[in-house]
PDB file of N, CA and C in Angstrom:
ATOM      1  N   MET A   1     106.370  93.105  88.721  1.00  0.00           N
ATOM      2  CA  MET A   1     106.203  94.137  89.884  1.00  0.00           C
ATOM      3  C   MET A   1     105.707  95.216  89.327  1.00  0.00           C
ATOM      4  N   ALA A   2     104.827  96.047  90.292  1.00  0.00           N
ATOM      5  CA  ALA A   2     104.129  97.106  90.153  1.00  0.00           C
ATOM      6  C   ALA A   2     105.282  98.166  89.754  1.00  0.00           C
ATOM      7  N   THR A   3     105.181  99.375  89.257  1.00  0.00           N
ATOM      8  CA  THR A   3     106.111 100.467  88.979  1.00  0.00           C
ATOM      9  C   THR A   3     106.815 100.841  90.085  1.00  0.00           C
ATOM     10  N   VAL A   4     107.923 100.615  90.165  1.00  0.00           N
ATOM     11  CA  VAL A   4     108.782 100.709  91.435  1.00  0.00           C
ATOM     12  C   VAL A   4     110.150 101.538  91.137  1.00  0.00           C
ATOM     13  N   THR A   5     110.724 102.114  91.824  1.00  0.00           N
ATOM     14  CA  THR A   5     111.949 102.869  91.525  1.00  0.00           C
ATOM     15  C   THR A   5     113.037 101.588  91.185  1.00  0.00           C
ATOM     16  N   ARG A   6     114.146 102.068  90.761  1.00  0.00           N
ATOM     17  CA  ARG A   6     115.360 100.845  90.442  1.00  0.00           C
ATOM     18  C   ARG A   6     115.913 100.709  91.923  1.00  0.00           C
ATOM     19  N   LYS A   7     116.150 101.529  92.862  1.00  0.00           N
ATOM     20  CA  LYS A   7     116.558 101.254  94.285  1.00  0.00           C
ATOM     21  C   LYS A   7     115.820 100.112  94.956  1.00  0.00           C
ATOM     22  N   PHE A   8     114.365 100.301  94.618  1.00  0.00           N
ATOM     23  CA  PHE A   8     113.408  99.365  95.285  1.00  0.00           C
ATOM     24  C   PHE A   8     113.664  97.954  94.615  1.00  0.00           C
ATOM     25  N   ARG A   9     113.680  97.853  93.296  1.00  0.00           N
ATOM     26  CA  ARG A   9     113.933  96.701  92.511  1.00  0.00           C
ATOM     27  C   ARG A   9     115.195  96.082  92.986  1.00  0.00           C
ATOM     28  N   ASP A  10     116.308  96.878  93.088  1.00  0.00           N
ATOM     29  CA  ASP A  10     117.581  96.298  93.303  1.00  0.00           C
ATOM     30  C   ASP A  10     117.591  95.838  94.745  1.00  0.00           C
ATOM     31  N   ASP A  11     116.857  96.475  95.867  1.00  0.00           N
ATOM     32  CA  ASP A  11     116.833  96.170  97.114  1.00  0.00           C
ATOM     33  C   ASP A  11     116.056  94.675  97.179  1.00  0.00           C
ATOM     34  N   PHE A  12     114.780  94.695  96.719  1.00  0.00           N
ATOM     35  CA  PHE A  12     114.179  93.570  96.513  1.00  0.00           C
ATOM     36  C   PHE A  12     114.833  92.332  95.954  1.00  0.00           C
ATOM     37  N   GLU A  13     115.596  92.642  94.995  1.00  0.00           N
ATOM     38  CA  GLU A  13     116.266  91.448  94.293  1.00  0.00           C
ATOM     39  C   GLU A  13     117.347  91.130  95.210  1.00  0.00           C
ATOM     40  N   CYS A  14     118.074  91.800  95.814  1.00  0.00           N
ATOM     41  CA  CYS A  14     119.147  91.448  96.773  1.00  0.00           C
ATOM     42  C   CYS A  14     118.272  90.588  97.770  1.00  0.00           C
ATOM     43  N   TRP A  15     117.163  90.974  98.546  1.00  0.00           N
ATOM     44  CA  TRP A  15     116.467  90.299  99.484  1.00  0.00           C
ATOM     45  C   TRP A  15     116.059  89.081  99.110  1.00  0.00           C
ATOM     46  N   SER A  16     115.576  89.023  97.945  1.00  0.00           N
ATOM     47  CA  SER A  16     114.765  87.749  97.258  1.00  0.00           C
ATOM     48  C   SER A  16     115.897  86.813  97.058  1.00  0.00           C
ATOM     49  N   ALA A  17     117.227  87.220  96.451  1.00  0.00           N
ATOM     50  CA  ALA A  17     118.058  86.242  96.177  1.00  0.00           C
ATOM     51  C   ALA A  17     118.652  85.674  97.588  1.00  0.00           C
ATOM     52  N   ASP A  18     118.822  86.454  98.481  1.00  0.00           N
ATOM     53  CA  ASP A  18     119.307  85.842  99.860  1.00  0.00           C
ATOM     54  C   ASP A  18     118.196  84.903 100.335  1.00  0.00           C
ATOM     55  N   ARG A  19     116.952  85.279 100.506  1.00  0.00           N
ATOM     56  CA  ARG A  19     115.968  84.243 100.957  1.00  0.00           C
ATOM     57  C   ARG A  19     115.924  82.958 100.214  1.00  0.00           C
ATOM     58  N   ILE A  20     116.103  82.949  98.808  1.00  0.00           N
ATOM     59  CA  ILE A  20     116.287  81.942  98.096  1.00  0.00           C
ATOM     60  C   ILE A  20     117.269  81.180  98.481  1.00  0.00           C
ATOM     61  N   ALA A  21     118.456  81.601  98.335  1.00  0.00           N
ATOM     62  CA  ALA A  21     119.773  81.045  98.672  1.00  0.00           C
ATOM     63  C   ALA A  21     119.703  80.377 100.194  1.00  0.00           C
ATOM     64  N   LYS A  22     119.064  81.148 101.254  1.00  0.00           N
ATOM     65  CA  LYS A  22     119.077  80.388 102.435  1.00  0.00           C
ATOM     66  C   LYS A  22     118.048  79.260 102.537  1.00  0.00           C
ATOM     67  N   GLY A  23     117.153  79.013 101.376  1.00  0.00           N
ATOM     68  CA  GLY A  23     116.162  78.111 101.302  1.00  0.00           C
ATOM     69  C   GLY A  23     114.812  78.382 102.182  1.00  0.00           C
ATOM     70  N   GLU A  24     114.595  79.865 102.405  1.00  0.00           N
ATOM     71  CA  GLU A  24     113.646  80.375 103.195  1.00  0.00           C
ATOM     72  C   GLU A  24     112.315  80.344 102.207  1.00  0.00           C
ATOM     73  N   PHE A  25     112.567  80.582 101.095  1.00  0.00           N
ATOM     74  CA  PHE A  25     111.813  80.484  99.931  1.00  0.00           C
ATOM     75  C   PHE A  25     112.049  79.614  98.771  1.00  0.00           C
ATOM     76  N   THR A  26     111.256  79.095  98.010  1.00  0.00           N
ATOM     77  CA  THR A  26     111.519  78.485  96.734  1.00  0.00           C
ATOM     78  C   THR A  26     111.349  79.305  95.656  1.00  0.00           C
ATOM     79  N   PRO A  27     112.004  79.386  94.563  1.00  0.00           N
ATOM     80  CA  PRO A  27     111.533  80.393  93.438  1.00  0.00           C
ATOM     81  C   PRO A  27     110.083  80.259  93.172  1.00  0.00           C
ATOM     82  N   ALA A  28     109.371  79.194  93.326  1.00  0.00           N
ATOM     83  CA  ALA A  28     107.999  79.177  93.073  1.00  0.00           C
ATOM     84  C   ALA A  28     107.333  80.116  94.261  1.00  0.00           C
ATOM     85  N   ASP A  29     107.875  79.943  95.503  1.00  0.00           N
ATOM     86  CA  ASP A  29     107.304  80.785  96.733  1.00  0.00           C
ATOM     87  C   ASP A  29     107.522  82.328  96.376  1.00  0.00           C
ATOM     88  N   MET A  30     108.791  82.718  95.900  1.00  0.00           N
ATOM     89  CA  MET A  30     109.029  83.990  95.274  1.00  0.00           C
ATOM     90  C   MET A  30     108.166  84.495  94.376  1.00  0.00           C
ATOM     91  N   ASP A  31     107.983  83.583  93.601  1.00  0.00           N
ATOM     92  CA  ASP A  31     106.821  84.152  92.429  1.00  0.00           C
ATOM     93  C   ASP A  31     105.512  84.433  93.033  1.00  0.00           C
ATOM     94  N   ASP A  32     105.015  83.639  93.982  1.00  0.00           N
ATOM     95  CA  ASP A  32     103.735  83.875  94.486  1.00  0.00           C
ATOM     96  C   ASP A  32     103.920  85.201  95.539  1.00  0.00           C
ATOM     97  N   PHE A  33     105.089  85.490  96.188  1.00  0.00           N
ATOM     98  CA  PHE A  33     105.291  86.735  96.990  1.00  0.00           C
ATOM     99  C   PHE A  33     105.378  87.893  95.938  1.00  0.00           C
ATOM    100  N   LYS A  34     106.032  87.545  94.874  1.00  0.00           N
ATOM    101  CA  LYS A  34     106.096  88.857  93.929  1.00  0.00           C
ATOM    102  C   LYS A  34     104.697  89.122  93.424  1.00  0.00           C
ATOM    103  N   GLU A  35     103.713  88.302  93.334  1.00  0.00           N
ATOM    104  CA  GLU A  35     102.258  88.651  92.852  1.00  0.00           C
ATOM    105  C   GLU A  35     101.580  89.232  94.177  1.00  0.00           C
ATOM    106  N   MET A  36     101.846  88.783  95.326  1.00  0.00           N
ATOM    107  CA  MET A  36     101.132  89.439  96.361  1.00  0.00           C
ATOM    108  C   MET A  36     101.696  90.772  96.620  1.00  0.00           C
ATOM    109  N   LEU A  37     102.843  90.907  96.351  1.00  0.00           N
ATOM    110  CA  LEU A  37     103.381  92.561  96.298  1.00  0.00           C
ATOM    111  C   LEU A  37     103.062  93.524  95.420  1.00  0.00           C
ATOM    112  N   ARG A  38     102.808  92.737  94.122  1.00  0.00           N
ATOM    113  CA  ARG A  38     101.909  93.688  92.964  1.00  0.00           C
ATOM    114  C   ARG A  38     100.940  93.918  93.521  1.00  0.00           C
ATOM    115  N   ARG A  39      99.804  93.253  94.078  1.00  0.00           N
ATOM    116  CA  ARG A  39      98.506  93.451  94.409  1.00  0.00           C
ATOM    117  C   ARG A  39      98.567  94.440  95.537  1.00  0.00           C
ATOM    118  N   ASP A  40      99.511  94.393  96.533  1.00  0.00           N
ATOM    119  CA  ASP A  40      99.480  95.279  97.598  1.00  0.00           C
ATOM    120  C   ASP A  40     100.233  96.617  97.383  1.00  0.00           C
ATOM    121  N   LEU A  41     101.025  96.663  96.182  1.00  0.00           N
ATOM    122  CA  LEU A  41     101.490  97.979  95.819  1.00  0.00           C
ATOM    123  C   LEU A  41     100.456  98.699  94.767  1.00  0.00           C
ATOM    124  N   ALA A  42      99.682  97.963  94.435  1.00  0.00           N
ATOM    125  CA  ALA A  42      98.262  98.600  93.428  1.00  0.00           C
ATOM    126  C   ALA A  42      97.603  99.774  94.105  1.00  0.00           C
ATOM    127  N   PRO A  43      97.359 100.857  93.488  1.00  0.00           N
ATOM    128  CA  PRO A  43      96.255 101.920  93.882  1.00  0.00           C
ATOM    129  C   PRO A  43      95.122 101.166  94.543  1.00  0.00           C
ATOM    130  N   GLY A  44      94.479 101.985  95.618  1.00  0.00           N
ATOM    131  CA  GLY A  44      93.194 101.450  95.987  1.00  0.00           C
ATOM    132  C   GLY A  44      93.342 101.015  97.506  1.00  0.00           C
ATOM    133  N   PRO A  45      92.155 100.731  97.987  1.00  0.00           N
ATOM    134  CA  PRO A  45      92.117 100.176  99.262  1.00  0.00           C
ATOM    135  C   PRO A  45      93.080  98.978  99.442  1.00  0.00           C
ATOM    136  N   ASP A  46      93.470  98.718 100.766  1.00  0.00           N
ATOM    137  CA  ASP A  46      94.449  97.788 101.205  1.00  0.00           C
ATOM    138  C   ASP A  46      93.424  96.474 101.102  1.00  0.00           C
ATOM    139  N   GLN A  47      93.614  95.531 100.228  1.00  0.00           N
ATOM    140  CA  GLN A  47      92.945  94.253 100.199  1.00  0.00           C
ATOM    141  C   GLN A  47      93.619  93.202 101.184  1.00  0.00           C
ATOM    142  N   LEU A  48      95.001  93.370 101.459  1.00  0.00           N
ATOM    143  CA  LEU A  48      95.810  92.397 101.986  1.00  0.00           C
ATOM    144  C   LEU A  48      95.287  92.357 103.532  1.00  0.00           C
ATOM    145  N   ARG A  49      95.393  93.618 104.126  1.00  0.00           N
ATOM    146  CA  ARG A  49      95.115  93.626 105.726  1.00  0.00           C
ATOM    147  C   ARG A  49      93.634  93.915 105.872  1.00  0.00           C
ATOM    148  N   ALA A  50      92.975  94.126 105.173  1.00  0.00           N
ATOM    149  CA  ALA A  50      91.353  94.524 105.283  1.00  0.00           C
ATOM    150  C   ALA A  50      90.945  93.515 106.265  1.00  0.00           C
ATOM    151  N   GLY A  51      90.291  94.008 107.455  1.00  0.00           N
ATOM    152  CA  GLY A  51      89.517  93.065 108.281  1.00  0.00           C
ATOM    153  C   GLY A  51      90.310  92.787 109.588  1.00  0.00           C
ATOM    154  N   TYR A  52      91.666  93.060 109.526  1.00  0.00           N
ATOM    155  CA  TYR A  52      92.762  92.579 110.518  1.00  0.00           C
ATOM    156  C   TYR A  52      92.849  93.683 111.396  1.00  0.00           C
ATOM    157  N   THR A  53      93.307  93.695 112.737  1.00  0.00           N
ATOM    158  CA  THR A  53      93.614  94.765 113.654  1.00  0.00           C
ATOM    159  C   THR A  53      95.006  94.393 114.212  1.00  0.00           C
ATOM    160  N   VAL A  54      95.394  95.514 114.667  1.00  0.00           N
ATOM    161  CA  VAL A  54      96.892  95.422 115.481  1.00  0.00           C
ATOM    162  C   VAL A  54      96.559  96.107 116.958  1.00  0.00           C
ATOM    163  N   ILE A  55      97.211  95.691 117.846  1.00  0.00           N
ATOM    164  CA  ILE A  55      97.001  96.341 119.182  1.00  0.00           C
ATOM    165  C   ILE A  55      98.310  97.251 119.479  1.00  0.00           C
ATOM    166  N   VAL A  56      98.042  98.464 119.659  1.00  0.00           N
ATOM    167  CA  VAL A  56      99.280  99.462 119.971  1.00  0.00           C
ATOM    168  C   VAL A  56      99.203  99.681 121.508  1.00  0.00           C
ATOM    169  N   ALA A  57      99.782 100.696 121.800  1.00  0.00           N
ATOM    170  CA  ALA A  57     100.196 100.955 123.154  1.00  0.00           C
ATOM    171  C   ALA A  57      98.866 101.170 123.863  1.00  0.00           C
ATOM    172  N   ALA A  58      99.256 100.696 125.140  1.00  0.00           N
ATOM    173  CA  ALA A  58      97.735 100.875 125.902  1.00  0.00           C
ATOM    174  C   ALA A  58      96.797  99.854 125.632  1.00  0.00           C
ATOM    175  N   GLY A  59      96.899  98.992 124.691  1.00  0.00           N
ATOM    176  CA  GLY A  59      96.099  97.785 124.381  1.00  0.00           C
ATOM    177  C   GLY A  59      95.114  98.392 123.445  1.00  0.00           C
ATOM    178  N   VAL A  60      95.177  99.517 122.711  1.00  0.00           N
ATOM    179  CA  VAL A  60      94.243  99.918 121.922  1.00  0.00           C
ATOM    180  C   VAL A  60      94.376  99.137 120.477  1.00  0.00           C
ATOM    181  N   GLU A  61      93.132  98.532 120.123  1.00  0.00           N
ATOM    182  CA  GLU A  61      93.079  97.976 118.989  1.00  0.00           C
ATOM    183  C   GLU A  61      92.740  98.818 117.760  1.00  0.00           C
ATOM    184  N   ILE A  62      93.403  98.836 116.850  1.00  0.00           N
ATOM    185  CA  ILE A  62      93.237  99.581 115.573  1.00  0.00           C
ATOM    186  C   ILE A  62      93.293  98.887 114.235  1.00  0.00           C
ATOM    187  N   PRO A  63      92.491  99.434 113.210  1.00  0.00           N
ATOM    188  CA  PRO A  63      92.627  98.674 111.872  1.00  0.00           C
ATOM    189  C   PRO A  63      93.953  98.450 111.354  1.00  0.00           C
ATOM    190  N   ALA A  64      94.327  97.305 110.859  1.00  0.00           N
ATOM    191  CA  ALA A  64      95.659  97.345 110.384  1.00  0.00           C
ATOM    192  C   ALA A  64      95.924  97.532 109.006  1.00  0.00           C
ATOM    193  N   ALA A  65      94.572  97.912 108.151  1.00  0.00           N
ATOM    194  CA  ALA A  65      94.976  98.304 106.835  1.00  0.00           C
ATOM    195  C   ALA A  65      95.247  99.579 106.534  1.00  0.00           C
ATOM    196  N   ILE A  66      96.229  99.729 105.496  1.00  0.00           N
ATOM    197  CA  ILE A  66      96.670 100.770 105.062  1.00  0.00           C
ATOM    198  C   ILE A  66      96.150 101.260 103.617  1.00  0.00           C
ATOM    199  N   ASP A  67      95.265 101.984 103.630  1.00  0.00           N
ATOM    200  CA  ASP A  67      94.469 102.282 102.474  1.00  0.00           C
ATOM    201  C   ASP A  67      95.285 103.158 101.338  1.00  0.00           C
ATOM    202  N   ASP A  68      96.330 103.864 101.706  1.00  0.00           N
ATOM    203  CA  ASP A  68      96.904 104.807 100.939  1.00  0.00           C
ATOM    204  C   ASP A  68      98.375 103.881 100.339  1.00  0.00           C
ATOM    205  N   HIS A  69      98.071 103.680  98.963  1.00  0.00           N
ATOM    206  CA  HIS A  69      99.020 102.795  98.298  1.00  0.00           C
ATOM    207  C   HIS A  69     100.388 103.279  98.173  1.00  0.00           C
ATOM    208  N   GLU A  70     100.655 104.431  98.438  1.00  0.00           N
ATOM    209  CA  GLU A  70     101.974 105.023  98.548  1.00  0.00           C
ATOM    210  C   GLU A  70     102.650 104.972  99.919  1.00  0.00           C
ATOM    211  N   GLU A  71     101.745 105.019 100.971  1.00  0.00           N
ATOM    212  CA  GLU A  71     102.165 104.598 102.258  1.00  0.00           C
ATOM    213  C   GLU A  71     102.578 103.121 102.343  1.00  0.00           C
ATOM    214  N   ARG A  72     101.864 102.300 101.663  1.00  0.00           N
ATOM    215  CA  ARG A  72     102.121 100.813 101.614  1.00  0.00           C
ATOM    216  C   ARG A  72     103.648 100.750 100.834  1.00  0.00           C
ATOM    217  N   TYR A  73     103.771 101.312  99.800  1.00  0.00           N
ATOM    218  CA  TYR A  73     105.167 101.470  99.030  1.00  0.00           C
ATOM    219  C   TYR A  73     106.304 101.953 100.016  1.00  0.00           C
ATOM    220  N   ARG A  74     105.949 102.830 100.679  1.00  0.00           N
ATOM    221  CA  ARG A  74     106.932 103.428 101.670  1.00  0.00           C
ATOM    222  C   ARG A  74     107.589 102.540 102.680  1.00  0.00           C
ATOM    223  N   HIS A  75     106.583 101.811 103.158  1.00  0.00           N
ATOM    224  CA  HIS A  75     106.903 100.702 104.129  1.00  0.00           C
ATOM    225  C   HIS A  75     107.451  99.491 103.576  1.00  0.00           C
ATOM    226  N   TRP A  76     107.045  99.116 102.395  1.00  0.00           N
ATOM    227  CA  TRP A  76     107.786  97.987 101.792  1.00  0.00           C
ATOM    228  C   TRP A  76     109.268  98.430 101.303  1.00  0.00           C
ATOM    229  N   ALA A  77     109.392  99.726 100.808  1.00  0.00           N
ATOM    230  CA  ALA A  77     110.732 100.184 100.294  1.00  0.00           C
ATOM    231  C   ALA A  77     111.807 100.249 101.488  1.00  0.00           C
ATOM    232  N   ASP A  78     111.045 100.810 102.504  1.00  0.00           N
ATOM    233  CA  ASP A  78     111.939 100.842 103.825  1.00  0.00           C
ATOM    234  C   ASP A  78     112.506  99.499 104.245  1.00  0.00           C
ATOM    235  N   TYR A  79     111.471  98.532 104.415  1.00  0.00           N
ATOM    236  CA  TYR A  79     111.988  97.174 104.758  1.00  0.00           C
ATOM    237  C   TYR A  79     112.985  96.772 103.824  1.00  0.00           C
ATOM    238  N   PHE A  80     112.685  96.502 102.390  1.00  0.00           N
ATOM    239  CA  PHE A  80     113.606  96.018 101.597  1.00  0.00           C
ATOM    240  C   PHE A  80     114.923  96.751 101.674  1.00  0.00           C
ATOM    241  N   ALA A  81     115.010  98.075 101.707  1.00  0.00           N
ATOM    242  CA  ALA A  81     116.413  98.900 101.882  1.00  0.00           C
ATOM    243  C   ALA A  81     117.255  98.403 102.998  1.00  0.00           C
ATOM    244  N   LEU A  82     116.506  98.280 104.264  1.00  0.00           N
ATOM    245  CA  LEU A  82     117.191  97.773 105.378  1.00  0.00           C
ATOM    246  C   LEU A  82     117.735  96.601 105.239  1.00  0.00           C
ATOM    247  N   GLU A  83     116.920  95.534 104.718  1.00  0.00           N
ATOM    248  CA  GLU A  83     117.367  94.137 104.565  1.00  0.00           C
ATOM    249  C   GLU A  83     118.460  94.076 103.634  1.00  0.00           C
ATOM    250  N   ALA A  84     118.533  94.825 102.572  1.00  0.00           N
ATOM    251  CA  ALA A  84     119.673  94.712 101.572  1.00  0.00           C
ATOM    252  C   ALA A  84     120.838  95.345 102.148  1.00  0.00           C
ATOM    253  N   GLU A  85     120.719  96.296 102.875  1.00  0.00           N
ATOM    254  CA  GLU A  85     121.869  96.916 103.561  1.00  0.00           C
ATOM    255  C   GLU A  85     122.378  95.960 104.577  1.00  0.00           C
ATOM    256  N   ALA A  86     121.638  95.254 105.360  1.00  0.00           N
ATOM    257  CA  ALA A  86     122.177  94.322 106.129  1.00  0.00           C
ATOM    258  C   ALA A  86     122.564  93.012 105.578  1.00  0.00           C
ATOM    259  N   ILE A  87     122.121  92.685 104.502  1.00  0.00           N
ATOM    260  CA  ILE A  87     122.864  91.580 103.738  1.00  0.00           C
ATOM    261  C   ILE A  87     123.924  91.888 103.030  1.00  0.00           C
ATOM    262  N   GLN A  88     124.287  93.160 102.540  1.00  0.00           N
ATOM    263  CA  GLN A  88     125.460  93.514 101.854  1.00  0.00           C
ATOM    264  C   GLN A  88     126.438  93.663 102.933  1.00  0.00           C
ATOM    265  N   GLN A  89     126.301  94.162 104.074  1.00  0.00           N
ATOM    266  CA  GLN A  89     127.097  94.412 105.111  1.00  0.00           C
ATOM    267  C   GLN A  89     127.595  92.913 105.550  1.00  0.00           C
ATOM    268  N   LEU A  90     126.794  91.940 106.050  1.00  0.00           N
ATOM    269  CA  LEU A  90     127.177  90.690 106.293  1.00  0.00           C
ATOM    270  C   LEU A  90     127.913  90.024 105.036  1.00  0.00           C
ATOM    271  N   THR A  91     127.601  90.320 103.761  1.00  0.00           N
ATOM    272  CA  THR A  91     128.300  89.656 102.700  1.00  0.00           C
ATOM    273  C   THR A  91     129.830  90.412 102.930  1.00  0.00           C
ATOM    274  N   ASN A  92     129.983  91.591 102.959  1.00  0.00           N
ATOM    275  CA  ASN A  92     131.257  92.382 102.996  1.00  0.00           C
ATOM    276  C   ASN A  92     132.149  91.811 104.059  1.00  0.00           C
ATOM    277  N   THR A  93     131.489  91.843 105.230  1.00  0.00           N
ATOM    278  CA  THR A  93     132.135  91.369 106.533  1.00  0.00           C
ATOM    279  C   THR A  93     132.747  89.844 106.335  1.00  0.00           C
ATOM    280  N   GLN A  94     131.790  88.945 105.710  1.00  0.00           N
ATOM    281  CA  GLN A  94     132.282  87.532 105.464  1.00  0.00           C
ATOM    282  C   GLN A  94     133.542  87.472 104.285  1.00  0.00           C
ATOM    283  N   ARG A  95     133.602  88.421 103.603  1.00  0.00           N
ATOM    284  CA  ARG A  95     134.704  88.388 102.443  1.00  0.00           C
ATOM    285  C   ARG A  95     135.984  88.846 103.088  1.00  0.00           C
ATOM    286  N   THR A  96     135.955  89.783 104.144  1.00  0.00           N
ATOM    287  CA  THR A  96     137.062  90.407 104.823  1.00  0.00           C
ATOM    288  C   THR A  96     137.659  89.468 105.625  1.00  0.00           C
ATOM    289  N   ARG A  97     137.105  88.357 105.964  1.00  0.00           N
ATOM    290  CA  ARG A  97     137.315  87.472 106.944  1.00  0.00           C
ATOM    291  C   ARG A  97     138.639  86.443 106.386  1.00  0.00           C
TER     292      ARG A  97
END
């Protein structure tokens, strides 16, 4: 992985293990995903979303690229944090049943 915080790493590992356990990713798929994530978190322009657009309110189309690598990091960190929290809550709920 790129240089990330311990929380990011822990949240990613929780998410990754869950997706592999559910069969949504194979270990090889996860290795490919990690490589994509490394590239996405690298400083510099957004190579992953370059050339793509998204449609926002009122049908306005805007570029999908996020050229600030710190902003890309924040988006990934937020996603993995929410996912890890949901996985942990579900796991805790299943244990108490």
